Amino acid sequence: MVTLYKAKAKASLIGATLTLDIDSTDYEVNGLSRYKQKIVFVSGALQGEKVQALVLEDKAGFIKARTSKVLSPAPGRQRPFCPHFSQCGGCQLQYLDNDQQIRLKQQGIDQLIRHQTGLETLPWQPMIAAADTHYRRKARLGVWFDKKTRQLSVGFRAEGSKHISAISECSMLSPLLTPVLTRLPPAINALPDPAVVTHLELFCANQRPYVVVRHVKPLTAAQQQAFVQSWPEAYFLGDDGTEQLQHWQPDTPTPAYTLTEQDIRLQFQPGDFIQINEAVNQKMVSQALAWLEVNADDTILDLYAGMGNFSLPLAKYAKTVQGIEGVAKMVQQAATNATLNGLSNASFAQADLHLPWPDAPWRGQGYTKVVLDPARAGAKGAIEQIAALKAAQILYVSCNAATFARDARVLLSQGYQLQKLSAIDMFPHTSHLELMALFSASSKSASVKSAPAK
């Protein structure tokens, strides 16, 4: 009988507490350390600190951990201003002042992009930023009712957890939305079964607060009215899980916001994607127009167009704008917005841009400029097809530095040059920093050093 040797499985470190020296930080301002040949990403830790950290993930090549105690603090560390900071997962970086947060985020992104592309320096431009508190015009709050303790929690999820952290205040929410934290929990608790409400979606539009109460069972007219009475200033909409929204207040106006500098009004529906930070979004759109120097001869392709946030401002100055979006209802909303704004030179079509592009009329046009604003996954599968259009300029808006660096490398290898790069502080006090980049076609291929894919 042959006995085969089987290596003993290594014990997982998940749940263990490690004492670590933090050597540096990454582009999301996670502390970086090493433990037995593995790199350790430590949230809540700064360069030069010694910390105790709870292990959350233990993989073959890396460990993820969360700071549980700072043994030796860095000089810049401060006391978080939010009383819910230690439980709520909404903000990660309040232990630094906002200027230091931005500096570390941009420093990490600079290193990441240069490493991935081989570029020696990056053409940084002034950052797009606005107020660092009360900036959120949209948020989703979790609702959890513990049937054993009869305790209701309304708030955001804890970091790395499904647990809902009940909050009584939030310095990031628009002042129009903050009353939800105190006014709605009593209305939910008054229901015969509070567990039927699963979450709340909040957003500002028309200078008014809107609340979508997501519930898994129908509510009676009296129960609906209780929500309306709890916050008369808000427009309430209900959803029983079938995605069929019911207006709980008569004559609820269609949600909309205005890009004041371009005099563009954009209508949207609850659940549609809109940029969270209204002030930053306005600056972002204005900068896109300025960088592209849009003129009456331009034919522009706007990819991942959504409901027209970039398409319609561009159309005010360009010859034509063609928007492409993957979600059918967003295509319809963009077309409606074009009509509402009297823009007949903007058209919209649906396509999955990550697959080979269809043989459609919009593909055969010659575009002078391309704009793309993809989700966090970036433009994988599309970026090569974008480069093949050979537009004179490509404006890339990114919410993920890692996927941007991957896609930028493709453009550089296809003869484009990175002309301008700007950080966008869309979410102050979080680890996120967005980007806007302008690429221009070159007569010769850009020189790109060999760098590992990531």
Protein backbone atom coordinates (compact mmCIF):
# COMPACT_ATOMS: atom_id res chain seq x y z
CA MET A 1 0.00 0.00 0.00
CA VAL A 2 1.35 3.39 -0.99
CA THR A 3 0.95 6.24 1.47
CA LEU A 4 0.92 9.66 -0.16
CA TYR A 5 2.39 12.59 1.74
CA LYS A 6 -0.07 15.40 2.28
CA ALA A 7 1.21 18.72 3.54
CA LYS A 8 -0.41 19.93 6.72
CA ALA A 9 -2.66 22.91 6.14
CA LYS A 10 -1.31 26.08 7.67
CA ALA A 11 -3.38 27.62 10.41
CA SER A 12 -5.21 30.77 9.41
CA LEU A 13 -4.36 34.02 11.18
CA ILE A 14 -7.90 35.38 10.82
CA GLY A 15 -8.99 36.77 14.18
CA ALA A 16 -5.43 37.02 15.49
CA THR A 17 -3.89 40.30 16.69
CA LEU A 18 -0.47 41.21 15.28
CA THR A 19 1.96 43.86 16.47
CA LEU A 20 3.31 45.63 13.39
CA ASP A 21 5.68 48.43 12.40
CA ILE A 22 4.20 50.47 9.54
CA ASP A 23 6.74 51.18 6.79
CA SER A 24 4.62 53.22 4.36
CA THR A 25 1.07 53.67 3.02
CA ASP A 26 -0.59 52.68 -0.25
CA TYR A 27 -2.87 54.68 -2.57
CA GLU A 28 -5.87 54.05 -0.30
CA VAL A 29 -3.85 55.14 2.77
CA ASN A 30 -3.66 51.64 4.20
CA GLY A 31 -0.57 51.11 6.28
CA LEU A 32 1.96 48.66 4.80
CA SER A 33 3.96 46.21 6.90
CA ARG A 34 5.35 42.68 6.68
CA TYR A 35 4.71 39.54 8.67
CA LYS A 36 6.62 36.33 7.91
CA GLN A 37 7.31 37.22 4.25
CA LYS A 38 3.75 38.42 3.64
CA ILE A 39 2.80 42.00 2.96
CA VAL A 40 0.19 43.29 5.39
CA PHE A 41 -2.35 45.98 4.48
CA VAL A 42 -3.47 47.69 7.68
CA SER A 43 -6.41 50.08 7.62
CA GLY A 44 -6.20 52.92 10.11
CA ALA A 45 -2.39 52.91 10.33
CA LEU A 46 0.14 55.54 9.27
CA GLN A 47 3.78 55.42 8.21
CA GLY A 48 6.13 55.29 11.20
CA GLU A 49 3.56 53.94 13.63
CA LYS A 50 3.63 50.76 15.71
CA VAL A 51 0.15 49.26 15.96
CA GLN A 52 -1.79 46.24 17.06
CA ALA A 53 -3.99 45.04 14.22
CA LEU A 54 -6.79 42.48 13.95
CA VAL A 55 -6.39 40.11 10.99
CA LEU A 56 -9.43 40.13 8.69
CA GLU A 57 -8.05 38.15 5.72
CA ASP A 58 -5.12 35.76 5.42
CA LYS A 59 -4.29 34.91 1.81
CA ALA A 60 -1.35 33.15 0.18
CA GLY A 61 0.52 36.37 -0.61
CA PHE A 62 -0.93 39.02 1.68
CA ILE A 63 -2.80 39.78 4.88
CA LYS A 64 -5.49 42.39 5.47
CA ALA A 65 -5.87 43.77 8.96
CA ARG A 66 -7.55 46.61 10.85
CA THR A 67 -5.83 48.73 13.49
CA SER A 68 -7.18 47.93 16.95
CA LYS A 69 -4.68 49.95 19.00
CA VAL A 70 -2.04 52.54 18.11
CA LEU A 71 1.02 51.89 20.28
CA SER A 72 3.18 54.66 18.82
CA PRO A 73 1.23 57.36 16.92
CA ALA A 74 2.55 59.37 13.98
CA PRO A 75 2.83 63.16 14.49
CA GLY A 76 -0.11 63.95 12.18
CA ARG A 77 -2.65 61.69 13.89
CA GLN A 78 -5.68 63.49 15.37
CA ARG A 79 -8.88 62.61 17.19
CA PRO A 80 -11.74 61.83 14.75
CA PHE A 81 -14.50 64.44 14.94
CA CYS A 82 -17.37 61.98 14.41
CA PRO A 83 -18.66 60.19 17.53
CA HIS A 84 -19.48 57.13 15.40
CA PHE A 85 -16.04 56.83 13.78
CA SER A 86 -14.96 53.67 15.60
CA GLN A 87 -18.12 51.76 14.61
CA CYS A 88 -19.30 53.23 11.29
CA GLY A 89 -17.63 52.20 8.04
CA GLY A 90 -18.65 55.34 6.15
CA CYS A 91 -15.44 57.34 6.69
CA GLN A 92 -11.98 55.84 7.11
CA LEU A 93 -9.51 58.73 7.43
CA GLN A 94 -10.82 61.14 10.05
CA TYR A 95 -7.72 60.48 12.15
CA LEU A 96 -5.94 62.86 9.72
CA ASP A 97 -6.84 66.42 8.78
CA ASN A 98 -8.26 66.74 5.27
CA ASP A 99 -5.13 68.28 3.73
CA GLN A 100 -3.00 65.35 4.89
CA GLN A 101 -5.60 62.87 3.68
CA ILE A 102 -5.47 64.36 0.19
CA ARG A 103 -1.68 64.51 0.18
CA LEU A 104 -1.29 60.85 1.12
CA LYS A 105 -3.96 59.68 -1.32
CA GLN A 106 -2.43 61.59 -4.23
CA GLN A 107 1.08 60.53 -3.26
CA GLY A 108 0.04 56.86 -3.30
CA ILE A 109 -1.79 57.24 -6.62
CA ASP A 110 1.21 58.97 -8.16
CA GLN A 111 3.44 56.03 -7.20
CA LEU A 112 0.90 53.48 -8.45
CA ILE A 113 0.44 55.10 -11.88
CA ARG A 114 4.15 55.69 -12.43
CA HIS A 115 4.89 52.08 -11.47
CA GLN A 116 2.23 50.67 -13.80
CA THR A 117 2.94 52.92 -16.79
CA GLY A 118 6.67 53.53 -16.53
CA LEU A 119 6.17 57.30 -16.73
CA GLU A 120 8.81 59.14 -14.73
CA THR A 121 6.63 62.13 -13.83
CA LEU A 122 2.93 62.87 -14.05
CA PRO A 123 1.39 66.16 -15.30
CA TRP A 124 -0.58 66.96 -12.15
CA GLN A 125 -2.99 69.89 -12.30
CA PRO A 126 -4.81 71.60 -9.38
CA MET A 127 -7.15 69.29 -7.49
CA ILE A 128 -10.93 69.46 -7.84
CA ALA A 129 -12.34 69.81 -4.33
CA ALA A 130 -15.10 71.50 -2.37
CA ALA A 131 -16.37 71.46 1.23
CA ASP A 132 -15.20 68.40 3.17
CA THR A 133 -18.39 68.05 5.25
CA HIS A 134 -22.12 67.89 4.44
CA TYR A 135 -21.29 67.05 0.82
CA ARG A 136 -23.35 63.90 0.29
CA ARG A 137 -26.58 64.50 -1.63
CA LYS A 138 -27.26 60.77 -1.82
CA ALA A 139 -26.85 57.91 0.65
CA ARG A 140 -28.16 54.45 1.42
CA LEU A 141 -28.83 53.57 5.04
CA GLY A 142 -29.19 50.02 6.29
CA VAL A 143 -32.07 49.10 8.59
CA TRP A 144 -31.85 46.13 10.95
CA PHE A 145 -34.44 45.05 13.49
CA ASP A 146 -33.34 42.45 16.03
CA LYS A 147 -36.51 40.46 16.82
CA LYS A 148 -34.99 39.01 20.00
CA THR A 149 -33.98 42.31 21.60
CA ARG A 150 -36.57 44.43 19.73
CA GLN A 151 -33.75 46.86 18.97
CA LEU A 152 -33.74 48.87 15.74
CA SER A 153 -30.54 50.05 14.05
CA VAL A 154 -30.50 52.59 11.22
CA GLY A 155 -27.13 53.59 9.82
CA PHE A 156 -24.14 52.50 7.74
CA ARG A 157 -22.40 49.15 7.77
CA ALA A 158 -19.40 48.75 10.02
CA GLU A 159 -16.03 48.44 8.29
CA GLY A 160 -15.59 44.97 6.82
CA SER A 161 -18.86 43.76 8.32
CA LYS A 162 -22.55 43.26 7.56
CA HIS A 163 -23.43 44.71 10.95
CA ILE A 164 -25.44 47.96 10.84
CA SER A 165 -23.98 50.66 13.07
CA ALA A 166 -26.78 52.84 14.39
CA ILE A 167 -25.92 56.52 14.01
CA SER A 168 -27.62 59.64 15.36
CA GLU A 169 -25.69 62.18 13.27
CA CYS A 170 -23.53 62.31 10.14
CA SER A 171 -21.30 65.23 9.17
CA MET A 172 -21.10 64.00 5.58
CA LEU A 173 -24.83 64.11 4.78
CA SER A 174 -26.44 67.16 3.26
CA PRO A 175 -28.30 69.17 5.92
CA LEU A 176 -31.47 68.40 3.94
CA LEU A 177 -31.00 64.69 4.70
CA THR A 178 -29.77 64.65 8.30
CA PRO A 179 -33.30 64.66 9.88
CA VAL A 180 -33.77 61.08 8.67
CA LEU A 181 -31.49 59.85 11.47
CA THR A 182 -33.84 61.02 14.21
CA ARG A 183 -37.26 61.26 12.55
CA LEU A 184 -37.63 57.94 10.72
CA PRO A 185 -36.55 55.32 13.30
CA PRO A 186 -39.66 55.98 15.48
CA ALA A 187 -41.89 55.57 12.41
CA ILE A 188 -40.22 52.25 11.58
CA ASN A 189 -40.44 51.07 15.19
CA ALA A 190 -44.16 51.81 15.22
CA LEU A 191 -44.83 49.25 12.50
CA PRO A 192 -46.33 45.90 13.62
CA ASP A 193 -43.22 44.26 12.16
CA PRO A 194 -40.34 46.76 11.80
CA ALA A 195 -38.29 44.05 10.05
CA VAL A 196 -40.25 44.62 6.83
CA VAL A 197 -38.16 47.78 6.21
CA THR A 198 -34.73 46.72 4.93
CA HIS A 199 -33.06 50.00 3.99
CA LEU A 200 -33.60 53.66 3.18
CA GLU A 201 -32.37 55.50 0.11
CA LEU A 202 -31.94 59.24 0.53
CA PHE A 203 -31.19 61.90 -2.05
CA CYS A 204 -31.58 65.62 -2.61
CA ALA A 205 -33.25 67.01 -5.72
CA ASN A 206 -35.18 70.16 -6.54
CA GLN A 207 -33.69 71.57 -3.31
CA ARG A 208 -35.80 69.04 -1.36
CA PRO A 209 -35.09 65.73 0.40
CA TYR A 210 -36.46 62.49 -1.03
CA VAL A 211 -36.71 59.21 0.87
CA VAL A 212 -37.26 55.78 -0.65
CA VAL A 213 -38.39 53.31 2.01
CA ARG A 214 -37.55 49.81 0.82
CA HIS A 215 -39.83 47.22 2.42
CA VAL A 216 -40.38 43.54 1.67
CA LYS A 217 -44.11 43.53 2.45
CA PRO A 218 -46.83 46.05 1.52
CA LEU A 219 -47.62 48.81 4.02
CA THR A 220 -51.13 49.98 4.73
CA ALA A 221 -52.21 53.51 3.90
CA ALA A 222 -52.05 54.41 7.61
CA GLN A 223 -48.53 53.04 7.93
CA GLN A 224 -47.45 54.96 4.85
CA GLN A 225 -48.95 58.13 6.26
CA ALA A 226 -46.92 57.68 9.46
CA PHE A 227 -43.73 58.11 7.42
CA VAL A 228 -45.07 61.22 5.73
CA GLN A 229 -46.05 62.74 9.09
CA SER A 230 -42.64 61.97 10.59
CA TRP A 231 -40.94 64.24 8.05
CA PRO A 232 -43.41 66.44 6.15
CA GLU A 233 -40.63 68.31 4.32
CA ALA A 234 -39.50 65.14 2.53
CA TYR A 235 -41.04 63.46 -0.50
CA PHE A 236 -41.66 59.82 0.35
CA LEU A 237 -41.63 56.96 -2.11
CA GLY A 238 -42.17 53.31 -1.24
CA ASP A 239 -40.97 50.05 -2.75
CA ASP A 240 -42.24 46.65 -1.63
CA GLY A 241 -39.37 44.75 -3.20
CA THR A 242 -40.88 44.51 -6.68
CA GLU A 243 -38.99 47.66 -7.77
CA GLN A 244 -42.36 49.32 -8.35
CA LEU A 245 -42.10 52.69 -6.66
CA GLN A 246 -45.25 54.11 -5.13
CA HIS A 247 -45.52 57.81 -4.36
CA TRP A 248 -46.69 58.23 -0.80
CA GLN A 249 -47.21 61.96 -1.28
CA PRO A 250 -49.33 63.41 -4.09
CA ASP A 251 -47.78 65.51 -6.84
CA THR A 252 -44.22 64.40 -6.05
CA PRO A 253 -42.07 66.19 -8.66
CA THR A 254 -39.63 64.23 -10.81
CA PRO A 255 -36.19 64.42 -9.16
CA ALA A 256 -33.72 66.68 -10.98
CA TYR A 257 -30.54 68.70 -10.47
CA THR A 258 -29.03 71.58 -12.41
CA LEU A 259 -25.53 72.15 -13.74
CA THR A 260 -25.73 75.88 -13.21
CA GLU A 261 -22.59 76.86 -15.11
CA GLN A 262 -23.91 75.18 -18.27
CA ASP A 263 -27.62 75.81 -17.59
CA ILE A 264 -28.41 72.09 -17.96
CA ARG A 265 -31.21 70.44 -15.97
CA LEU A 266 -30.97 66.68 -15.55
CA GLN A 267 -33.93 64.61 -14.46
CA PHE A 268 -33.42 61.17 -12.93
CA GLN A 269 -35.32 58.40 -11.19
CA PRO A 270 -34.74 56.95 -7.70
CA GLY A 271 -32.03 54.33 -8.03
CA ASP A 272 -30.34 56.02 -11.00
CA PHE A 273 -26.65 56.78 -10.65
CA ILE A 274 -25.81 60.40 -9.88
CA GLN A 275 -22.53 61.82 -8.60
CA ILE A 276 -22.69 61.98 -4.81
CA ASN A 277 -20.93 65.33 -4.39
CA GLU A 278 -22.91 68.02 -6.21
CA ALA A 279 -20.33 70.82 -5.90
CA VAL A 280 -17.48 68.60 -7.08
CA ASN A 281 -19.57 67.27 -9.96
CA GLN A 282 -20.16 70.81 -11.23
CA LYS A 283 -16.42 71.58 -11.10
CA MET A 284 -15.65 68.26 -12.78
CA VAL A 285 -17.99 68.95 -15.72
CA SER A 286 -16.64 72.50 -16.11
CA GLN A 287 -13.05 71.25 -16.13
CA ALA A 288 -13.85 68.59 -18.74
CA LEU A 289 -15.21 71.29 -21.06
CA ALA A 290 -12.19 73.52 -20.45
CA TRP A 291 -9.59 70.78 -20.98
CA LEU A 292 -11.22 69.54 -24.19
CA GLU A 293 -11.68 73.10 -25.53
CA VAL A 294 -14.92 71.97 -27.15
CA ASN A 295 -15.84 73.82 -30.34
CA ALA A 296 -18.57 73.78 -32.97
CA ASP A 297 -16.62 71.40 -35.24
CA ASP A 298 -16.23 68.64 -32.63
CA THR A 299 -17.95 65.27 -32.93
CA ILE A 300 -17.71 63.69 -29.48
CA LEU A 301 -18.28 60.15 -28.23
CA ASP A 302 -19.32 59.92 -24.56
CA LEU A 303 -18.95 56.38 -23.21
CA TYR A 304 -20.64 55.14 -20.01
CA ALA A 305 -22.82 58.20 -20.52
CA GLY A 306 -25.42 57.55 -17.84
CA MET A 307 -28.23 60.08 -18.05
CA GLY A 308 -26.13 62.72 -19.78
CA ASN A 309 -24.06 64.32 -17.01
CA PHE A 310 -21.21 64.99 -19.48
CA SER A 311 -23.01 64.45 -22.79
CA LEU A 312 -25.45 67.34 -22.54
CA PRO A 313 -23.00 70.03 -21.39
CA LEU A 314 -20.70 68.92 -24.22
CA ALA A 315 -23.59 69.13 -26.69
CA LYS A 316 -24.10 72.82 -25.90
CA TYR A 317 -20.77 73.58 -27.58
CA ALA A 318 -20.02 70.66 -29.94
CA LYS A 319 -21.35 69.80 -33.40
CA THR A 320 -22.67 66.42 -32.24
CA VAL A 321 -22.42 64.18 -29.18
CA GLN A 322 -23.09 60.46 -29.23
CA GLY A 323 -23.65 58.90 -25.80
CA ILE A 324 -23.32 55.15 -25.22
CA GLU A 325 -24.61 53.52 -22.04
CA GLY A 326 -25.14 49.90 -21.00
CA VAL A 327 -28.34 50.34 -18.96
CA ALA A 328 -31.44 50.73 -21.13
CA LYS A 329 -33.42 52.93 -18.74
CA MET A 330 -30.48 55.31 -18.42
CA VAL A 331 -30.32 55.60 -22.22
CA GLN A 332 -33.99 56.55 -22.23
CA GLN A 333 -33.46 59.06 -19.42
CA ALA A 334 -30.53 60.67 -21.25
CA ALA A 335 -32.62 61.04 -24.40
CA THR A 336 -35.42 62.60 -22.36
CA ASN A 337 -32.96 65.03 -20.79
CA ALA A 338 -31.65 66.01 -24.21
CA THR A 339 -35.19 66.87 -25.30
CA LEU A 340 -35.93 68.77 -22.08
CA ASN A 341 -32.83 70.89 -22.64
CA GLY A 342 -33.57 71.51 -26.33
CA LEU A 343 -30.44 69.70 -27.53
CA SER A 344 -31.15 67.96 -30.83
CA ASN A 345 -27.45 67.29 -31.52
CA ALA A 346 -27.13 64.72 -28.69
CA SER A 347 -28.21 61.12 -29.31
CA PHE A 348 -27.91 57.99 -27.17
CA ALA A 349 -27.63 54.24 -27.73
CA GLN A 350 -27.25 51.11 -25.63
CA ALA A 351 -24.22 48.80 -25.83
CA ASP A 352 -22.10 46.63 -23.53
CA LEU A 353 -18.81 48.44 -24.08
CA HIS A 354 -16.72 45.66 -22.54
CA LEU A 355 -17.64 43.25 -25.35
CA PRO A 356 -16.64 43.63 -29.02
CA TRP A 357 -18.53 46.69 -30.16
CA PRO A 358 -21.52 46.07 -32.41
CA ASP A 359 -21.61 47.07 -36.05
CA ALA A 360 -23.84 50.04 -35.27
CA PRO A 361 -24.19 53.46 -36.94
CA TRP A 362 -22.56 55.23 -33.98
CA ARG A 363 -19.39 53.18 -34.37
CA GLY A 364 -18.70 54.24 -37.94
CA GLN A 365 -18.54 57.96 -37.22
CA GLY A 366 -15.24 59.80 -37.03
CA TYR A 367 -14.88 61.30 -33.56
CA THR A 368 -12.55 64.15 -32.75
CA LYS A 369 -12.80 63.59 -29.00
CA VAL A 370 -13.83 60.77 -26.65
CA VAL A 371 -15.02 61.01 -23.04
CA LEU A 372 -15.33 57.98 -20.77
CA ASP A 373 -16.46 57.72 -17.15
CA PRO A 374 -16.58 53.99 -16.32
CA ALA A 375 -17.37 52.27 -13.03
CA ARG A 376 -14.63 51.00 -10.69
CA ALA A 377 -13.83 48.08 -13.00
CA GLY A 378 -12.55 50.58 -15.54
CA ALA A 379 -12.72 50.11 -19.31
CA LYS A 380 -11.23 46.62 -19.65
CA GLY A 381 -12.32 45.21 -23.01
CA ALA A 382 -13.21 48.68 -24.26
CA ILE A 383 -9.97 50.63 -23.96
CA GLU A 384 -8.35 48.94 -26.99
CA GLN A 385 -11.44 49.72 -29.07
CA ILE A 386 -11.37 53.31 -27.84
CA ALA A 387 -7.74 53.68 -28.87
CA ALA A 388 -8.57 52.26 -32.31
CA LEU A 389 -10.92 55.21 -32.94
CA LYS A 390 -7.81 57.43 -33.14
CA ALA A 391 -9.58 60.46 -31.72
CA ALA A 392 -7.35 63.48 -31.19
CA GLN A 393 -8.18 63.62 -27.48
CA ILE A 394 -9.48 61.21 -24.85
CA LEU A 395 -10.77 62.46 -21.51
CA TYR A 396 -10.86 59.68 -18.91
CA VAL A 397 -12.74 60.17 -15.60
CA SER A 398 -11.90 57.39 -13.15
CA CYS A 399 -13.09 56.35 -9.70
CA ASN A 400 -10.40 53.67 -9.31
CA ALA A 401 -6.71 54.51 -9.65
CA ALA A 402 -5.66 50.87 -10.14
CA THR A 403 -7.92 50.21 -13.14
CA PHE A 404 -7.11 53.67 -14.53
CA ALA A 405 -3.39 52.85 -14.45
CA ARG A 406 -4.07 49.59 -16.31
CA ASP A 407 -6.11 51.37 -19.01
CA ALA A 408 -3.70 54.30 -19.26
CA ARG A 409 -0.91 51.89 -20.11
CA VAL A 410 -2.91 50.68 -23.11
CA LEU A 411 -3.47 54.22 -24.37
CA LEU A 412 0.20 55.10 -23.95
CA SER A 413 1.25 52.00 -25.86
CA GLN A 414 -1.08 53.00 -28.70
CA GLY A 415 0.56 56.37 -29.22
CA TYR A 416 -1.32 58.61 -26.79
CA GLN A 417 0.41 60.98 -24.40
CA LEU A 418 -0.83 61.88 -20.95
CA GLN A 419 -1.21 65.66 -21.12
CA LYS A 420 -3.04 66.52 -17.89
CA LEU A 421 -3.99 64.70 -14.70
CA SER A 422 -6.13 66.00 -11.85
CA ALA A 423 -7.23 64.41 -8.60
CA ILE A 424 -10.92 64.73 -7.66
CA ASP A 425 -11.78 64.69 -3.96
CA MET A 426 -15.32 63.40 -4.46
CA PHE A 427 -15.47 61.66 -1.04
CA PRO A 428 -13.55 63.59 1.66
CA HIS A 429 -12.53 61.60 4.76
CA THR A 430 -12.62 58.31 2.84
CA SER A 431 -9.83 56.37 1.14
CA HIS A 432 -11.23 57.21 -2.31
CA LEU A 433 -9.70 59.76 -4.65
CA GLU A 434 -10.98 60.03 -8.21
CA LEU A 435 -9.11 61.18 -11.30
CA MET A 436 -9.54 63.11 -14.52
CA ALA A 437 -6.96 62.60 -17.25
CA LEU A 438 -6.51 64.10 -20.70
CA PHE A 439 -4.72 62.01 -23.34
CA SER A 440 -3.71 63.47 -26.70
CA ALA A 441 -2.77 61.57 -29.84
CA SER A 442 0.90 61.61 -30.77
CA SER A 443 2.59 60.96 -34.11
CA LYS A 444 4.86 58.43 -32.43
CA SER A 445 4.24 55.86 -29.73
CA ALA A 446 4.87 56.89 -26.16
CA SER A 447 7.86 55.32 -24.46
CA VAL A 448 6.55 52.94 -21.82
CA LYS A 449 8.88 50.95 -19.63
CA SER A 450 8.10 47.36 -18.81
CA ALA A 451 5.99 47.14 -15.67
CA PRO A 452 4.09 44.28 -14.10
CA ALA A 453 0.34 44.09 -14.63
CA LYS A 454 -1.83 44.57 -11.59
